[in-house]
């Protein structure tokens, strides 16, 4: 009687997966282009820092991209800038902060509310709202400056801070960015779970949705802050009283003194004031860079 021996089980064949690693190729053209962009960005800032250390005479007697021999008047120029004409520069700085805090802050808050609502609620006319927002993004702000001036003139709001703050509250690009970010960053299931637990819409927004929107909020806040901080054309047509000037308009008025009869030439103060003006923006970008970069990447990858 023969005994049949069972064959040992065969091991399943293991399929080896080849892993391909890609190494970035070096591109001389890209390196040169990056270097040109770096010089284009850094050289004006370096020129501003160097010339802020010079006197009025030193601006014309020395090379523009290097310090004057035996002359370093940065701190003296800063003190003179802050005290010139009864400290009007400080008043312009406070005005700019007012326009940024109320205008840019309000624009960010409205963009967050609108973007969240458009992303997470379905209602009739939602597509029309999207078309209006996209169209508003394509319209340059300068095209609306004159109609805005005529409307505000009829309302008696020109030459007041409201003429700068109210137009700054509208940011179509910020609304579109928050709409896109909220659609990707907040899971609908999470909102539904909060509603099942008895949370109202406002509580759900502030306690569930708002923390998830932090990177997008910082990104919109930076964009609106820079736009309001550097705003020149709108204050130019809206304001006549120098006490309400922002820094952009005030420094331009100082620069124009050289072309008026009997006007004092203070180019060194204009340069120093310009340096002081950009320091808050640089600090804001450096401090919020991590949130800003993650916010810009919102919606770039679709799962």
Protein backbone atom coordinates (compact mmCIF):
# COMPACT_ATOMS: atom_id res chain seq x y z
CA UNK A 1 0.00 0.00 0.00
CA UNK A 2 1.53 3.21 -1.09
CA UNK A 3 1.32 6.34 1.00
CA UNK A 4 0.70 9.56 -0.82
CA UNK A 5 2.81 12.40 0.54
CA UNK A 6 1.29 15.85 0.39
CA UNK A 7 3.45 18.35 -1.36
CA UNK A 8 4.57 21.25 0.80
CA UNK A 9 2.63 24.45 0.18
CA UNK A 10 4.26 26.72 -2.26
CA UNK A 11 5.06 30.22 -1.14
CA UNK A 12 3.36 32.92 -3.16
CA UNK A 13 5.69 34.70 -5.43
CA UNK A 14 6.72 38.04 -4.05
CA UNK A 15 6.51 40.73 -6.62
CA UNK A 16 9.37 43.09 -6.31
CA UNK A 17 8.49 46.66 -6.88
CA UNK A 18 11.18 48.78 -8.33
CA UNK A 19 11.55 52.10 -6.64
CA UNK A 20 12.61 54.92 -8.80
CA UNK A 21 14.28 57.88 -7.18
CA UNK A 22 14.43 61.06 -9.11
CA UNK A 23 17.19 63.52 -8.52
CA UNK A 24 16.56 67.11 -9.49
CA UNK A 25 18.51 68.15 -12.52
CA UNK A 26 20.66 71.22 -12.33
CA UNK A 27 19.58 73.96 -14.68
CA UNK A 28 21.95 76.82 -15.37
CA UNK A 29 19.16 78.84 -16.94
CA UNK A 30 16.94 78.47 -13.88
CA UNK A 31 19.84 79.33 -11.58
CA UNK A 32 20.60 82.49 -13.56
CA UNK A 33 16.94 83.49 -13.61
CA UNK A 34 16.70 82.98 -9.84
CA UNK A 35 19.82 85.09 -9.35
CA UNK A 36 18.39 87.91 -11.45
CA UNK A 37 15.13 87.86 -9.48
CA UNK A 38 17.11 87.86 -6.22
CA UNK A 39 19.12 90.88 -7.30
CA UNK A 40 15.98 92.63 -8.49
CA UNK A 41 14.44 92.12 -5.03
CA UNK A 42 17.46 92.75 -2.80
CA UNK A 43 19.26 95.65 -4.53
CA UNK A 44 16.47 98.24 -3.94
CA UNK A 45 16.29 97.24 -0.28
CA UNK A 46 20.08 97.47 0.04
CA UNK A 47 20.02 100.89 -1.66
CA UNK A 48 17.35 102.06 0.78
CA UNK A 49 19.32 100.92 3.83
CA UNK A 50 22.59 102.42 2.59
CA UNK A 51 21.13 105.82 1.68
CA UNK A 52 19.18 106.07 4.93
CA UNK A 53 22.57 106.48 6.64
CA UNK A 54 23.53 109.56 4.61
CA UNK A 55 22.91 113.26 4.98
CA UNK A 56 21.19 115.33 2.34
CA UNK A 57 24.54 116.32 0.87
CA UNK A 58 25.89 112.78 1.12
CA UNK A 59 23.15 111.50 -1.20
CA UNK A 60 24.66 113.41 -4.12
CA UNK A 61 28.34 113.31 -3.16
CA UNK A 62 28.71 109.53 -2.73
CA UNK A 63 28.07 106.33 -4.65
CA UNK A 64 24.45 105.27 -4.34
CA UNK A 65 25.10 101.62 -3.55
CA UNK A 66 27.66 102.15 -0.80
CA UNK A 67 28.05 104.10 2.42
CA UNK A 68 29.50 107.60 2.51
CA UNK A 69 33.03 107.96 3.89
CA UNK A 70 33.03 108.86 7.58
CA UNK A 71 29.26 109.30 7.67
CA UNK A 72 26.69 107.06 9.34
CA UNK A 73 23.63 109.12 10.26
CA UNK A 74 20.94 106.42 10.39
CA UNK A 75 19.82 107.09 13.93
CA UNK A 76 20.00 110.86 13.48
CA UNK A 77 17.89 110.59 10.34
CA UNK A 78 15.35 108.41 12.14
CA UNK A 79 15.07 110.92 14.97
CA UNK A 80 14.72 113.80 12.52
CA UNK A 81 12.10 111.92 10.50
CA UNK A 82 9.98 111.27 13.59
CA UNK A 83 10.18 114.90 14.78
CA UNK A 84 10.08 116.82 11.49
CA UNK A 85 7.10 119.18 11.08
CA UNK A 86 5.83 118.55 14.63
CA UNK A 87 6.04 114.79 14.26
CA UNK A 88 3.63 114.52 11.34
CA UNK A 89 5.30 111.24 10.29
CA UNK A 90 4.06 109.60 13.50
CA UNK A 91 0.54 110.84 12.72
CA UNK A 92 0.74 109.34 9.23
CA UNK A 93 1.98 106.08 10.71
CA UNK A 94 -0.96 105.95 13.12
CA UNK A 95 -3.36 106.72 10.26
CA UNK A 96 -1.91 103.85 8.23
CA UNK A 97 -2.29 101.49 11.19
CA UNK A 98 -5.91 102.61 11.54
CA UNK A 99 -6.66 101.91 7.89
CA UNK A 100 -4.93 98.52 8.09
CA UNK A 101 -6.49 97.34 11.35
CA UNK A 102 -10.04 98.41 10.50
CA UNK A 103 -9.94 98.09 6.72
CA UNK A 104 -7.73 95.04 6.17
CA UNK A 105 -8.94 93.35 9.35
CA UNK A 106 -12.56 93.92 8.40
CA UNK A 107 -11.94 92.72 4.84
CA UNK A 108 -10.38 89.52 6.18
CA UNK A 109 -13.29 88.89 8.55
CA UNK A 110 -15.87 89.44 5.81
CA UNK A 111 -13.90 87.23 3.40
CA UNK A 112 -13.80 84.43 5.99
CA UNK A 113 -17.54 84.65 6.63
CA UNK A 114 -18.41 84.82 2.94
CA UNK A 115 -15.98 82.10 1.88
CA UNK A 116 -17.19 79.72 4.58
CA UNK A 117 -20.83 80.30 3.71
CA UNK A 118 -20.30 79.86 -0.02
CA UNK A 119 -18.23 76.71 0.48
CA UNK A 120 -20.39 74.88 3.00
CA UNK A 121 -23.96 75.96 2.24
CA UNK A 122 -26.05 75.29 -0.86
CA UNK A 123 -28.56 77.93 -1.89
CA UNK A 124 -30.16 79.25 -5.09
CA UNK A 125 -27.96 81.70 -6.97
CA UNK A 126 -24.69 80.29 -5.67
CA UNK A 127 -23.33 79.97 -9.21
CA UNK A 128 -24.24 83.60 -9.95
CA UNK A 129 -22.39 84.72 -6.84
CA UNK A 130 -19.34 82.79 -8.02
CA UNK A 131 -19.48 84.53 -11.41
CA UNK A 132 -19.76 87.96 -9.76
CA UNK A 133 -16.78 87.25 -7.49
CA UNK A 134 -14.62 86.09 -10.40
CA UNK A 135 -15.63 89.15 -12.39
CA UNK A 136 -14.82 91.45 -9.47
CA UNK A 137 -11.35 89.90 -9.16
CA UNK A 138 -10.68 90.81 -12.81
CA UNK A 139 -11.63 94.48 -12.35
CA UNK A 140 -8.64 96.65 -11.29
CA UNK A 141 -9.16 98.86 -8.27
CA UNK A 142 -8.11 102.01 -10.15
CA UNK A 143 -11.06 101.57 -12.52
CA UNK A 144 -13.44 101.94 -9.55
CA UNK A 145 -11.63 104.83 -7.88
CA UNK A 146 -13.40 107.65 -9.72
CA UNK A 147 -16.94 106.20 -9.37
CA UNK A 148 -16.19 105.57 -5.69
CA UNK A 149 -15.06 109.18 -5.27
CA UNK A 150 -18.23 110.52 -6.91
CA UNK A 151 -20.42 108.34 -4.72
CA UNK A 152 -18.58 109.25 -1.52
CA UNK A 153 -18.64 112.92 -2.49
CA UNK A 154 -22.44 112.79 -2.71
CA UNK A 155 -22.51 111.15 0.73
CA UNK A 156 -20.14 113.72 2.25
CA UNK A 157 -17.54 111.12 3.21
CA UNK A 158 -14.57 112.45 1.26
CA UNK A 159 -11.62 113.80 3.26
CA UNK A 160 -12.53 111.47 6.13
CA UNK A 161 -11.04 108.13 7.23
CA UNK A 162 -14.21 106.35 6.09
CA UNK A 163 -13.32 107.17 2.48
CA UNK A 164 -10.32 104.85 2.86
CA UNK A 165 -11.73 102.26 5.27
CA UNK A 166 -15.03 101.42 3.54
CA UNK A 167 -13.55 100.56 0.09
CA UNK A 168 -10.84 98.53 1.85
CA UNK A 169 -13.48 96.28 3.41
CA UNK A 170 -14.20 94.65 0.04
CA UNK A 171 -11.68 92.07 -1.15
CA UNK A 172 -12.98 89.88 -4.01
CA UNK A 173 -9.70 88.01 -4.22
CA UNK A 174 -9.74 87.35 -0.46
CA UNK A 175 -13.31 86.06 -0.72
CA UNK A 176 -12.40 83.73 -3.57
CA UNK A 177 -9.30 82.48 -1.74
CA UNK A 178 -11.26 81.74 1.44
CA UNK A 179 -13.99 80.06 -0.59
CA UNK A 180 -11.44 77.70 -2.14
CA UNK A 181 -9.62 77.09 1.12
CA UNK A 182 -12.75 76.43 3.18
CA UNK A 183 -14.01 73.97 0.60
CA UNK A 184 -10.86 71.85 1.02
CA UNK A 185 -9.91 72.45 4.66
CA UNK A 186 -13.22 71.79 6.45
CA UNK A 187 -14.73 68.29 6.06
CA UNK A 188 -18.49 68.43 5.68
CA UNK A 189 -18.80 65.35 7.91
CA UNK A 190 -17.17 67.26 10.76
CA UNK A 191 -19.76 70.03 10.51
CA UNK A 192 -22.59 67.52 10.38
CA UNK A 193 -21.26 65.77 13.49
CA UNK A 194 -21.20 69.08 15.34
CA UNK A 195 -24.79 69.82 14.30
CA UNK A 196 -25.91 66.35 15.43
CA UNK A 197 -24.38 67.09 18.84
CA UNK A 198 -26.61 70.16 19.07
CA UNK A 199 -24.15 72.85 18.05
CA UNK A 200 -25.65 75.91 16.37
CA UNK A 201 -24.31 77.36 13.16
CA UNK A 202 -22.42 80.22 14.83
CA UNK A 203 -20.87 77.93 17.42
CA UNK A 204 -19.95 75.43 14.72
CA UNK A 205 -18.28 78.15 12.70
CA UNK A 206 -16.29 79.72 15.53
CA UNK A 207 -15.31 76.53 17.39
CA UNK A 208 -14.98 74.01 14.55
CA UNK A 209 -14.51 75.81 11.26
CA UNK A 210 -12.48 78.84 12.28
CA UNK A 211 -9.48 76.95 13.74
CA UNK A 212 -9.19 74.91 10.55
CA UNK A 213 -9.20 78.12 8.48
CA UNK A 214 -6.21 79.66 10.28
CA UNK A 215 -3.67 79.30 7.41
CA UNK A 216 -6.11 80.77 4.90
CA UNK A 217 -7.02 83.60 7.26
CA UNK A 218 -3.35 84.55 7.67
CA UNK A 219 -2.83 84.49 3.91
CA UNK A 220 -5.81 86.74 3.21
CA UNK A 221 -4.80 89.03 6.08
CA UNK A 222 -1.32 89.45 4.61
CA UNK A 223 -2.65 90.23 1.14
CA UNK A 224 -5.17 92.77 2.39
CA UNK A 225 -2.64 94.31 4.78
CA UNK A 226 -0.10 94.85 2.02
CA UNK A 227 -2.75 96.27 -0.31
CA UNK A 228 -4.02 98.71 2.32
CA UNK A 229 -0.55 99.62 3.60
CA UNK A 230 0.69 100.47 0.09
CA UNK A 231 -2.56 102.10 -1.04
CA UNK A 232 -1.74 105.38 -2.79
CA UNK A 233 -4.21 106.22 -5.53
CA UNK A 234 -7.38 106.03 -3.43
CA UNK A 235 -6.08 108.34 -0.64
CA UNK A 236 -4.74 110.67 -3.34
CA UNK A 237 -8.21 111.39 -4.71
CA UNK A 238 -10.12 111.07 -1.43
CA UNK A 239 -8.04 113.07 1.07
CA UNK A 240 -7.06 116.73 1.20
CA UNK A 241 -6.29 117.17 4.89
CA UNK A 242 -2.64 116.14 5.57
CA UNK A 243 -3.66 115.05 9.07
CA UNK A 244 -5.47 112.05 7.53
CA UNK A 245 -2.73 111.10 5.05
CA UNK A 246 -1.33 107.56 5.13
CA UNK A 247 2.42 107.09 4.88
CA UNK A 248 2.38 106.65 1.10
CA UNK A 249 0.73 110.00 0.50
CA UNK A 250 2.68 111.77 3.23
CA UNK A 251 6.09 110.69 1.96
CA UNK A 252 5.10 111.72 -1.55
CA UNK A 253 4.19 115.16 -0.19
CA UNK A 254 7.63 115.43 1.42
CA UNK A 255 9.25 114.39 -1.84
CA UNK A 256 7.28 117.03 -3.74
CA UNK A 257 8.58 119.84 -1.52
CA UNK A 258 11.75 119.98 -3.63
CA UNK A 259 9.73 121.10 -6.67
CA UNK A 260 7.83 123.90 -4.91
CA UNK A 261 9.02 127.48 -4.47
CA UNK A 262 10.58 127.86 -1.05
CA UNK A 263 10.12 124.18 -0.26
CA UNK A 264 12.71 122.43 1.87
CA UNK A 265 14.61 119.60 0.20
CA UNK A 266 14.46 116.61 2.55
CA UNK A 267 15.27 113.66 0.34
CA UNK A 268 17.22 112.01 3.16
CA UNK A 269 14.09 112.06 5.34
CA UNK A 270 11.98 110.64 2.51
CA UNK A 271 14.40 107.71 2.18
CA UNK A 272 14.55 107.14 5.93
CA UNK A 273 10.77 107.32 6.17
CA UNK A 274 10.46 104.77 3.35
CA UNK A 275 12.76 102.43 5.26
CA UNK A 276 10.68 102.79 8.41
CA UNK A 277 7.54 102.20 6.38
CA UNK A 278 8.55 98.78 5.06
CA UNK A 279 9.87 97.39 8.36
CA UNK A 280 6.39 96.36 9.67
CA UNK A 281 5.60 94.56 6.42
CA UNK A 282 8.88 92.65 6.46
CA UNK A 283 8.31 91.68 10.09
CA UNK A 284 4.77 90.50 9.34
CA UNK A 285 5.91 88.30 6.45
CA UNK A 286 8.74 86.76 8.45
CA UNK A 287 6.59 86.03 11.50
CA UNK A 288 3.66 84.62 9.52
CA UNK A 289 5.62 82.93 6.75
CA UNK A 290 4.77 79.38 7.85
CA UNK A 291 1.01 80.03 7.81
CA UNK A 292 1.28 82.07 4.64
CA UNK A 293 2.98 79.31 2.64
CA UNK A 294 0.53 76.63 3.74
CA UNK A 295 -2.36 78.91 2.92
CA UNK A 296 -1.11 79.55 -0.60
CA UNK A 297 -1.00 75.80 -1.23
CA UNK A 298 -4.70 75.42 -0.43
CA UNK A 299 -6.59 73.64 -3.19
CA UNK A 300 -3.45 72.85 -5.19
CA UNK A 301 -3.85 69.08 -4.63
CA UNK A 302 -7.16 67.33 -5.17
CA UNK A 303 -7.62 63.96 -3.49
